[in-house]
Amino acid sequence: MLNVSRQSTALEDVNYLIVGLGLTGFSVATYLLEHGFRCRIQDTRDIPPYLGQLKSRFEAVDFQGGALAAELIDWAEVIVVSPGLSIRQPELIAAAAAGKTVLGDIELFARLVTKPVIAITGSNGKSTVTTLVGAMIARAQNKVAVGGNIGTAALDLLAQDADYYVLELSSYQLETTTSLRPRVATVLNLCEDHLDRYADYNEYIQAKLHIYHNADLCVSNLDDAATRHDADDLCFSLDPHSDAEFRLIENNGYWLGRGAEAWLKVDQLKLGGRHNWANCLAAMAIACSLGISRTAIVETLREFSGIPHRGQWVAEIESVEWINDSKATNVGAAKASIEGRDRPVILIAGGQSKGADMSVMRATIGERVKRVLLLGEDAARLQQAWDGAAEIECVRDMRAAVQRAHEFARAGDCVLLAPACASFDMYQKFEQRGDDFMQRVRELAHD
């Protein structure tokens, strides 16, 4: 168990060691240095991406590259670990055992924030729901700050002096957070992910469910028992026959509804796929719990066109639709993305599978996918898991994948990038993978 002290409205005047100088580490270092706290910074890289920016803003930056040295841990009283780094490193386990406090940026944020926080997690859809809730709050003429695991780092949001803070939170961020007291917390859905970092699926689930700790209201998915907190949860469901307060209503088509009231026909949404209907229902539940008006909610849903790299429409070439869902980095997201298409699919997938059971996608591929084009580190593993479900071909890179998809596609098809894997074997981040896909598609369009 990590040693994390109780919540307060200020940070303690102690020695802070920041481990990892990515975007989150840069945010933490900036906050601590701006407010006069003693901090040192360590990164395994000699020149991490944000070091230059930090040194340009502050006269004295105490940075050390290379392995995490015992001298740094001995000096520190609080160790702030970036979410991309495992707290199960032997050095950090030993530090916690020695009485050091090991935490992340969300814990620091929780000790400082004084306005209501809406905390959102889940294996899939959390960026969409976080963005939707933020937009609904803003449409109701409230000041809102949106960030966390998406966009702006949490500590940077405090400068916005918002009425509400809407945070997307990853399991990595939640496992180092104990002081957060959300006004509303939700786990949207759960599926196998990050099993390269957790001992098993149950450990991953428990990290996610930690978001409900100290929450005033818990919003859960009635269709996914693993997301439930207790009988008092406010629930959403895609089942028209469920007793969830927010659910689909069937009446000459499907509607998003509350109770018996049909609010918006799904045909009016710009977002496609049943998984996005569930995301919309979750956002409705959260916004309603905050007192946001039905008008503001419906207008937001009707206008929302999605987030880049998340089911993003790229082009239609010779009556073939091209969709960028690079953010589908696990099997649950990729499966939902495929099932959300209303056309035959040519699937581009592959990358780092993170130890997930790829066979769970086999039935969906057999039913919905014409051909699979695989690339990246675990292409052979995916090919073995899906062998016989569809025609499968391994390709060397994204350019080859797009070219082969173009050759196979026929009018009425959908070429879908839904990798079911992380991108780090070939790209710095999933956005770069999606940008590469879109660039190759645009090259086709201009041939």
Protein backbone atom coordinates (compact mmCIF):
# COMPACT_ATOMS: atom_id res chain seq x y z
CA MET A 1 0.00 0.00 0.00
CA LEU A 2 1.36 3.39 -0.99
CA ASN A 3 1.90 5.96 1.74
CA VAL A 4 -0.34 8.88 0.79
CA SER A 5 -1.31 11.50 3.32
CA ARG A 6 -4.78 12.96 3.83
CA GLN A 7 -6.37 15.62 1.65
CA SER A 8 -5.66 19.28 2.36
CA THR A 9 -6.10 22.57 0.51
CA ALA A 10 -2.34 23.11 0.18
CA LEU A 11 0.74 21.08 -0.54
CA GLU A 12 3.24 20.31 2.18
CA ASP A 13 6.60 22.08 2.30
CA VAL A 14 8.69 18.97 1.69
CA ASN A 15 11.21 17.65 -0.82
CA TYR A 16 9.50 16.57 -4.05
CA LEU A 17 11.13 14.20 -6.52
CA ILE A 18 9.44 14.11 -9.95
CA VAL A 19 10.05 10.84 -11.78
CA GLY A 20 9.52 11.23 -15.52
CA LEU A 21 9.57 14.49 -17.49
CA GLY A 22 6.85 13.94 -20.04
CA LEU A 23 3.77 16.18 -20.27
CA THR A 24 2.57 15.26 -16.77
CA GLY A 25 6.00 15.63 -15.17
CA PHE A 26 6.42 19.00 -16.87
CA SER A 27 3.05 20.12 -15.46
CA VAL A 28 4.00 19.01 -11.93
CA ALA A 29 7.46 20.59 -12.10
CA THR A 30 6.01 23.86 -13.39
CA TYR A 31 3.45 24.02 -10.59
CA LEU A 32 5.94 23.20 -7.84
CA LEU A 33 8.62 25.59 -9.09
CA GLU A 34 6.13 28.42 -9.65
CA HIS A 35 4.92 28.05 -6.07
CA GLY A 36 8.37 27.88 -4.52
CA PHE A 37 8.50 24.20 -3.58
CA ARG A 38 11.76 22.27 -3.48
CA CYS A 39 11.82 19.72 -6.26
CA ARG A 40 14.25 17.61 -8.22
CA ILE A 41 13.51 15.84 -11.49
CA GLN A 42 14.68 12.49 -12.84
CA ASP A 43 14.16 10.86 -16.24
CA THR A 44 15.86 7.86 -17.80
CA ARG A 45 16.44 10.01 -20.89
CA ASP A 46 19.34 12.47 -20.79
CA ILE A 47 17.32 15.05 -22.72
CA PRO A 48 13.57 14.42 -22.22
CA PRO A 49 11.12 16.37 -24.40
CA TYR A 50 10.16 19.10 -21.92
CA LEU A 51 13.56 19.80 -20.33
CA GLY A 52 14.33 22.73 -22.62
CA GLN A 53 10.96 24.37 -21.95
CA LEU A 54 11.39 23.96 -18.21
CA LYS A 55 14.88 25.48 -18.21
CA SER A 56 13.67 28.41 -20.31
CA ARG A 57 11.02 29.23 -17.69
CA PHE A 58 13.03 28.77 -14.49
CA GLU A 59 16.56 29.81 -13.58
CA ALA A 60 17.28 26.76 -11.42
CA VAL A 61 16.11 23.34 -12.60
CA ASP A 62 17.62 20.37 -10.74
CA PHE A 63 17.47 17.59 -13.33
CA GLN A 64 19.23 14.22 -13.42
CA GLY A 65 19.18 11.86 -16.39
CA GLY A 66 19.71 8.11 -16.24
CA ALA A 67 18.58 5.47 -13.77
CA LEU A 68 16.66 6.40 -10.64
CA ALA A 69 19.47 6.87 -8.13
CA ALA A 70 19.29 5.96 -4.45
CA GLU A 71 20.58 9.43 -3.58
CA LEU A 72 17.50 11.04 -5.13
CA ILE A 73 15.12 8.72 -3.29
CA ASP A 74 16.94 9.33 0.00
CA TRP A 75 16.59 13.09 -0.48
CA ALA A 76 12.90 12.99 -1.37
CA GLU A 77 9.97 12.94 1.02
CA VAL A 78 7.32 12.82 -1.73
CA ILE A 79 7.90 11.03 -5.05
CA VAL A 80 5.62 12.15 -7.88
CA VAL A 81 5.49 9.42 -10.54
CA SER A 82 4.31 10.07 -14.10
CA PRO A 83 1.38 7.81 -15.08
CA GLY A 84 3.36 6.16 -17.86
CA LEU A 85 5.78 4.68 -15.31
CA SER A 86 4.91 1.69 -13.18
CA ILE A 87 4.81 2.18 -9.43
CA ARG A 88 5.83 -1.49 -9.19
CA GLN A 89 9.44 -0.66 -9.98
CA PRO A 90 11.63 -2.13 -7.22
CA GLU A 91 13.04 1.30 -6.38
CA LEU A 92 9.56 2.77 -5.83
CA ILE A 93 8.34 -0.23 -3.85
CA ALA A 94 11.40 0.11 -1.58
CA ALA A 95 10.83 3.86 -1.26
CA ALA A 96 7.20 3.34 -0.17
CA ALA A 97 8.32 0.67 2.30
CA ALA A 98 10.80 3.18 3.72
CA GLY A 99 8.01 5.65 4.41
CA LYS A 100 8.27 7.81 1.33
CA THR A 101 4.99 9.10 -0.11
CA VAL A 102 4.52 7.91 -3.70
CA LEU A 103 1.76 9.60 -5.68
CA GLY A 104 0.79 11.13 -9.03
CA ASP A 105 -0.34 14.48 -10.35
CA ILE A 106 -4.04 13.73 -9.76
CA GLU A 107 -3.37 13.31 -6.05
CA LEU A 108 -1.67 16.73 -5.97
CA PHE A 109 -4.63 18.18 -7.89
CA ALA A 110 -7.07 16.60 -5.43
CA ARG A 111 -5.32 18.28 -2.50
CA LEU A 112 -5.62 21.69 -4.14
CA VAL A 113 -8.98 21.76 -5.95
CA THR A 114 -11.87 23.55 -4.23
CA LYS A 115 -14.61 23.24 -6.88
CA PRO A 116 -16.67 20.17 -7.92
CA VAL A 117 -14.86 17.46 -9.87
CA ILE A 118 -16.47 15.06 -12.33
CA ALA A 119 -14.23 12.00 -12.66
CA ILE A 120 -14.58 9.72 -15.69
CA THR A 121 -12.84 6.44 -16.46
CA GLY A 122 -13.45 3.20 -18.33
CA SER A 123 -11.65 1.02 -20.83
CA ASN A 124 -13.26 2.83 -23.77
CA GLY A 125 -15.20 6.00 -24.50
CA LYS A 126 -13.86 8.10 -21.64
CA SER A 127 -12.46 10.86 -23.87
CA THR A 128 -15.77 11.15 -25.72
CA VAL A 129 -17.80 11.29 -22.51
CA THR A 130 -15.38 13.71 -20.84
CA THR A 131 -15.59 16.06 -23.82
CA LEU A 132 -19.38 15.76 -24.04
CA VAL A 133 -19.91 16.50 -20.34
CA GLY A 134 -17.61 19.51 -20.56
CA ALA A 135 -19.52 20.82 -23.57
CA MET A 136 -22.89 20.31 -21.83
CA ILE A 137 -21.72 22.23 -18.76
CA ALA A 138 -20.36 25.05 -20.92
CA ARG A 139 -23.60 25.28 -22.92
CA ALA A 140 -25.43 25.81 -19.63
CA GLN A 141 -23.30 28.95 -19.12
CA ASN A 142 -20.98 27.48 -16.50
CA LYS A 143 -17.20 27.84 -16.47
CA VAL A 144 -15.68 24.41 -17.00
CA ALA A 145 -12.13 23.06 -17.27
CA VAL A 146 -11.61 19.74 -19.04
CA GLY A 147 -8.45 17.62 -18.95
CA GLY A 148 -6.52 15.04 -16.97
CA ASN A 149 -5.68 12.09 -19.19
CA ILE A 150 -6.90 14.07 -22.20
CA GLY A 151 -5.64 17.46 -23.35
CA THR A 152 -4.55 19.69 -20.47
CA ALA A 153 -2.77 18.18 -17.45
CA ALA A 154 -4.81 18.37 -14.25
CA LEU A 155 -2.63 20.82 -12.32
CA ASP A 156 -2.67 23.24 -15.26
CA LEU A 157 -6.47 23.32 -15.08
CA LEU A 158 -6.39 25.02 -11.68
CA ALA A 159 -5.33 28.29 -13.32
CA GLN A 160 -8.69 28.42 -15.12
CA ASP A 161 -10.73 29.00 -11.93
CA ALA A 162 -13.62 26.92 -13.23
CA ASP A 163 -17.02 26.19 -11.70
CA TYR A 164 -16.51 22.49 -12.56
CA TYR A 165 -13.50 20.35 -13.39
CA VAL A 166 -14.15 17.39 -15.70
CA LEU A 167 -11.33 14.85 -15.62
CA GLU A 168 -10.65 11.82 -17.77
CA LEU A 169 -8.65 9.45 -15.56
CA SER A 170 -6.65 6.37 -16.47
CA SER A 171 -6.11 3.35 -14.25
CA TYR A 172 -2.50 4.49 -13.87
CA GLN A 173 -3.60 7.84 -12.49
CA LEU A 174 -6.19 6.30 -10.18
CA GLU A 175 -3.76 3.85 -8.56
CA THR A 176 -1.76 6.75 -7.07
CA THR A 177 -4.79 8.81 -5.97
CA THR A 178 -6.55 8.64 -2.59
CA SER A 179 -7.74 12.18 -1.78
CA LEU A 180 -10.01 12.86 -4.74
CA ARG A 181 -13.63 13.42 -3.72
CA PRO A 182 -15.62 13.61 -6.98
CA ARG A 183 -19.05 15.18 -7.15
CA VAL A 184 -19.77 12.49 -9.78
CA ALA A 185 -17.64 9.47 -10.73
CA THR A 186 -18.21 6.90 -13.45
CA VAL A 187 -16.70 3.72 -14.84
CA LEU A 188 -18.15 3.52 -18.34
CA ASN A 189 -17.18 -0.04 -19.24
CA LEU A 190 -14.43 -2.58 -18.65
CA CYS A 191 -12.50 -4.94 -20.88
CA GLU A 192 -9.01 -6.43 -20.86
CA ASP A 193 -6.33 -3.78 -21.23
CA HIS A 194 -2.84 -3.01 -19.91
CA LEU A 195 -2.26 -6.60 -18.85
CA ASP A 196 1.41 -5.97 -19.56
CA ARG A 197 1.36 -3.73 -16.46
CA TYR A 198 -1.13 -5.46 -14.14
CA ALA A 199 -0.81 -8.92 -12.62
CA ASP A 200 -4.23 -9.90 -13.99
CA TYR A 201 -7.53 -8.50 -15.24
CA ASN A 202 -8.98 -8.24 -11.72
CA GLU A 203 -6.14 -5.98 -10.60
CA TYR A 204 -6.85 -3.71 -13.56
CA ILE A 205 -10.58 -3.64 -12.66
CA GLN A 206 -9.82 -2.72 -9.07
CA ALA A 207 -7.63 0.16 -10.20
CA LYS A 208 -10.52 1.50 -12.28
CA LEU A 209 -13.14 1.03 -9.54
CA HIS A 210 -11.01 3.13 -7.20
CA ILE A 211 -12.60 6.17 -8.87
CA TYR A 212 -15.76 5.56 -6.81
CA HIS A 213 -13.88 6.04 -3.53
CA ASN A 214 -15.27 9.14 -1.76
CA ALA A 215 -17.59 10.02 -4.70
CA ASP A 216 -20.88 11.76 -3.90
CA LEU A 217 -22.63 10.02 -6.82
CA CYS A 218 -21.62 6.95 -8.81
CA VAL A 219 -22.79 6.51 -12.41
CA SER A 220 -22.41 2.98 -13.76
CA ASN A 221 -23.24 0.88 -16.80
CA LEU A 222 -26.14 -1.49 -16.12
CA ASP A 223 -25.01 -3.59 -19.10
CA ASP A 224 -21.57 -4.20 -17.58
CA ALA A 225 -21.75 -5.68 -14.08
CA ALA A 226 -18.04 -5.06 -13.48
CA THR A 227 -18.66 -1.28 -13.46
CA ARG A 228 -21.21 -1.34 -10.64
CA HIS A 229 -20.56 0.30 -7.30
CA ASP A 230 -23.75 -0.43 -5.34
CA ALA A 231 -27.54 -0.41 -5.56
CA ASP A 232 -27.66 3.39 -5.32
CA ASP A 233 -25.79 3.94 -8.59
CA LEU A 234 -27.35 6.14 -11.26
CA CYS A 235 -27.36 3.78 -14.26
CA PHE A 236 -27.41 3.92 -18.04
CA SER A 237 -28.16 1.07 -20.45
CA LEU A 238 -28.59 0.22 -24.11
CA ASP A 239 -31.39 -2.20 -23.20
CA PRO A 240 -34.83 -0.59 -23.75
CA HIS A 241 -36.32 -3.08 -21.29
CA SER A 242 -33.91 -2.31 -18.43
CA ASP A 243 -34.82 -0.26 -15.38
CA ALA A 244 -31.88 2.13 -15.87
CA GLU A 245 -32.93 5.77 -15.57
CA PHE A 246 -31.03 6.64 -18.75
CA ARG A 247 -31.58 4.12 -21.53
CA LEU A 248 -32.56 3.55 -25.13
CA ILE A 249 -36.25 3.89 -25.89
CA GLU A 250 -37.71 2.00 -28.86
CA ASN A 251 -40.42 3.96 -30.69
CA ASN A 252 -40.24 3.90 -34.49
CA GLY A 253 -36.49 3.62 -34.11
CA TYR A 254 -34.22 4.16 -31.14
CA TRP A 255 -34.12 7.24 -28.93
CA LEU A 256 -31.87 8.36 -26.10
CA GLY A 257 -34.14 8.76 -23.13
CA ARG A 258 -34.60 9.36 -19.44
CA GLY A 259 -37.23 7.25 -17.76
CA ALA A 260 -40.15 7.08 -20.18
CA GLU A 261 -39.19 10.35 -21.91
CA ALA A 262 -37.57 10.11 -25.36
CA TRP A 263 -35.07 12.96 -25.65
CA LEU A 264 -33.23 12.53 -28.95
CA LYS A 265 -33.51 10.04 -31.81
CA VAL A 266 -30.18 8.35 -32.46
CA ASP A 267 -30.56 9.15 -36.18
CA GLN A 268 -29.96 12.80 -35.23
CA LEU A 269 -26.54 12.06 -33.72
CA LYS A 270 -23.40 12.75 -35.71
CA LEU A 271 -21.68 10.01 -33.69
CA GLY A 272 -22.13 6.53 -35.15
CA GLY A 273 -22.35 3.14 -33.44
CA ARG A 274 -24.10 1.66 -30.42
CA HIS A 275 -20.99 2.19 -28.31
CA ASN A 276 -21.41 5.93 -28.87
CA TRP A 277 -25.09 5.71 -27.94
CA ALA A 278 -23.90 4.35 -24.59
CA ASN A 279 -21.39 7.20 -24.30
CA CYS A 280 -24.18 9.71 -24.93
CA LEU A 281 -26.41 8.12 -22.28
CA ALA A 282 -23.56 8.23 -19.75
CA ALA A 283 -22.96 11.92 -20.49
CA MET A 284 -26.70 12.59 -20.13
CA ALA A 285 -26.76 10.91 -16.72
CA ILE A 286 -23.75 12.87 -15.46
CA ALA A 287 -24.98 16.22 -16.77
CA CYS A 288 -28.48 15.73 -15.38
CA SER A 289 -27.04 14.92 -11.96
CA LEU A 290 -25.36 18.34 -12.04
CA GLY A 291 -28.61 20.11 -12.86
CA ILE A 292 -27.78 20.81 -16.51
CA SER A 293 -30.97 21.43 -18.49
CA ARG A 294 -32.43 18.98 -20.96
CA THR A 295 -32.17 21.65 -23.66
CA ALA A 296 -28.44 22.14 -23.13
CA ILE A 297 -27.86 18.38 -23.09
CA VAL A 298 -29.84 17.65 -26.26
CA GLU A 299 -28.35 20.56 -28.20
CA THR A 300 -24.85 19.41 -27.27
CA LEU A 301 -25.57 15.82 -28.31
CA ARG A 302 -27.08 16.91 -31.61
CA GLU A 303 -24.07 19.08 -32.53
CA PHE A 304 -21.21 16.92 -31.26
CA SER A 305 -19.24 15.40 -34.13
CA GLY A 306 -16.67 13.41 -32.16
CA ILE A 307 -12.97 13.66 -31.32
CA PRO A 308 -10.05 13.20 -33.70
CA HIS A 309 -8.79 9.59 -33.94
CA ARG A 310 -11.96 8.23 -32.32
CA GLY A 311 -14.21 6.97 -35.10
CA GLN A 312 -13.18 9.98 -37.18
CA TRP A 313 -14.49 10.18 -40.74
CA VAL A 314 -11.55 10.80 -43.09
CA ALA A 315 -12.84 10.53 -46.66
CA GLU A 316 -15.13 8.74 -49.07
CA ILE A 317 -13.25 7.60 -52.17
CA GLU A 318 -15.06 5.81 -54.96
CA SER A 319 -17.98 5.12 -52.56
CA VAL A 320 -15.61 3.58 -49.97
CA GLU A 321 -15.68 5.14 -46.49
CA TRP A 322 -12.38 5.58 -44.60
CA ILE A 323 -12.55 5.83 -40.79
CA ASN A 324 -9.72 6.65 -38.35
CA ASP A 325 -10.23 5.00 -34.95
CA SER A 326 -6.55 4.94 -33.92
CA LYS A 327 -7.63 5.41 -30.28
CA ALA A 328 -9.12 1.88 -30.36
CA THR A 329 -6.02 0.61 -28.56
CA ASN A 330 -7.60 -2.45 -26.91
CA VAL A 331 -9.83 -5.34 -27.96
CA GLY A 332 -13.00 -3.88 -26.47
CA ALA A 333 -12.62 -0.59 -28.31
CA ALA A 334 -11.77 -2.26 -31.62
CA LYS A 335 -14.65 -4.72 -31.31
CA ALA A 336 -17.11 -1.89 -30.59
CA SER A 337 -15.72 0.14 -33.48
CA ILE A 338 -16.23 -2.72 -35.94
CA GLU A 339 -19.73 -3.43 -34.65
CA GLY A 340 -20.60 0.26 -34.94
CA ARG A 341 -20.12 0.27 -38.72
CA ASP A 342 -23.11 -0.22 -41.01
CA ARG A 343 -20.94 -1.32 -43.98
CA PRO A 344 -18.72 -4.34 -44.66
CA VAL A 345 -15.33 -3.67 -43.04
CA ILE A 346 -11.76 -3.93 -44.23
CA LEU A 347 -9.85 -3.74 -40.98
CA ILE A 348 -6.35 -2.32 -40.40
CA ALA A 349 -5.05 -3.49 -37.02
CA GLY A 350 -1.91 -4.35 -35.08
CA GLY A 351 0.81 -2.90 -32.87
CA GLN A 352 1.57 -3.86 -29.27
CA SER A 353 -1.21 -6.07 -27.90
CA LYS A 354 -0.30 -5.53 -24.22
CA GLY A 355 -0.93 -9.18 -23.35
CA ALA A 356 -4.66 -9.05 -24.15
CA ASP A 357 -6.66 -12.07 -25.31
CA MET A 358 -7.18 -11.25 -28.97
CA SER A 359 -9.46 -14.24 -29.55
CA VAL A 360 -12.41 -12.32 -28.05
CA MET A 361 -12.62 -10.40 -31.33
CA ARG A 362 -12.74 -13.52 -33.50
CA ALA A 363 -16.54 -13.79 -33.77
CA THR A 364 -16.95 -10.09 -34.60
CA ILE A 365 -14.30 -10.34 -37.30
CA GLY A 366 -15.95 -13.43 -38.75
CA GLU A 367 -19.32 -11.69 -38.91
CA ARG A 368 -18.38 -8.15 -39.94
CA VAL A 369 -14.92 -8.04 -41.55
CA LYS A 370 -14.11 -8.90 -45.19
CA ARG A 371 -10.34 -8.70 -44.87
CA VAL A 372 -7.78 -7.89 -42.16
CA LEU A 373 -4.51 -6.08 -42.79
CA LEU A 374 -2.06 -6.47 -39.92
CA LEU A 375 1.06 -4.49 -39.12
CA GLY A 376 3.38 -3.94 -36.19
CA GLU A 377 5.08 -5.92 -33.45
CA ASP A 378 2.27 -8.37 -32.64
CA ALA A 379 0.88 -8.88 -36.16
CA ALA A 380 1.70 -12.59 -36.07
CA ARG A 381 -0.04 -12.98 -32.71
CA LEU A 382 -3.21 -11.36 -34.04
CA GLN A 383 -3.05 -13.46 -37.20
CA GLN A 384 -2.91 -16.63 -35.14
CA ALA A 385 -5.84 -15.55 -32.95
CA TRP A 386 -8.04 -14.65 -35.94
CA ASP A 387 -6.92 -17.29 -38.43
CA GLY A 388 -9.89 -18.55 -40.43
CA ALA A 389 -12.27 -15.78 -39.35
CA ALA A 390 -11.44 -13.64 -42.40
CA GLU A 391 -8.82 -13.21 -45.08
CA ILE A 392 -5.70 -11.93 -43.30
CA GLU A 393 -2.54 -10.35 -44.68
CA CYS A 394 0.49 -8.89 -42.89
CA VAL A 395 1.94 -5.66 -44.30
CA ARG A 396 5.12 -3.74 -43.52
CA ASP A 397 3.71 -0.30 -42.66
CA MET A 398 0.72 2.05 -42.84
CA ARG A 399 1.39 3.09 -46.41
CA ALA A 400 1.23 -0.55 -47.53
CA ALA A 401 -1.89 -1.17 -45.40
CA VAL A 402 -3.77 1.73 -46.98
CA GLN A 403 -2.67 0.76 -50.47
CA ARG A 404 -3.77 -2.86 -50.05
CA ALA A 405 -7.07 -1.78 -48.49
CA HIS A 406 -7.69 0.45 -51.50
CA GLU A 407 -7.04 -2.47 -53.84
CA PHE A 408 -9.48 -4.76 -52.01
CA ALA A 409 -12.27 -2.28 -51.21
CA ARG A 410 -15.43 -2.13 -53.27
CA ALA A 411 -18.19 0.49 -53.38
CA GLY A 412 -20.16 0.40 -50.13
CA ASP A 413 -17.26 -0.88 -47.99
CA CYS A 414 -15.64 0.79 -44.98
CA VAL A 415 -11.88 0.77 -44.44
CA LEU A 416 -11.43 1.04 -40.69
CA LEU A 417 -8.25 1.70 -38.71
CA ALA A 418 -9.11 0.11 -35.34
CA PRO A 419 -5.78 -1.35 -34.20
CA ALA A 420 -6.81 -3.16 -30.96
CA CYS A 421 -3.20 -2.45 -29.91
CA ALA A 422 -0.96 0.29 -28.61
CA SER A 423 1.10 2.24 -31.13
CA PHE A 424 4.49 2.52 -29.44
CA ASP A 425 6.25 -0.09 -31.58
CA MET A 426 5.92 2.15 -34.64
CA TYR A 427 4.78 5.58 -33.42
CA GLN A 428 5.30 7.91 -30.47
CA LYS A 429 1.55 7.99 -29.74
CA PHE A 430 -1.77 6.85 -31.17
CA GLU A 431 -2.43 10.31 -32.63
CA GLN A 432 0.67 10.00 -34.80
CA ARG A 433 -0.56 6.62 -36.04
CA GLY A 434 -3.93 8.14 -36.93
CA ASP A 435 -2.29 11.09 -38.65
CA ASP A 436 -0.19 8.70 -40.74
CA PHE A 437 -3.34 6.79 -41.76
CA MET A 438 -5.15 9.98 -42.73
CA GLN A 439 -2.20 11.27 -44.71
CA ARG A 440 -2.01 8.03 -46.72
CA VAL A 441 -5.76 8.17 -47.39
CA ARG A 442 -5.55 11.77 -48.57
CA GLU A 443 -2.74 10.77 -50.91
CA LEU A 444 -5.12 8.23 -52.41
CA ALA A 445 -7.79 10.85 -52.84
CA HIS A 446 -5.41 13.07 -54.82
CA ASP A 447 -4.01 10.34 -57.08
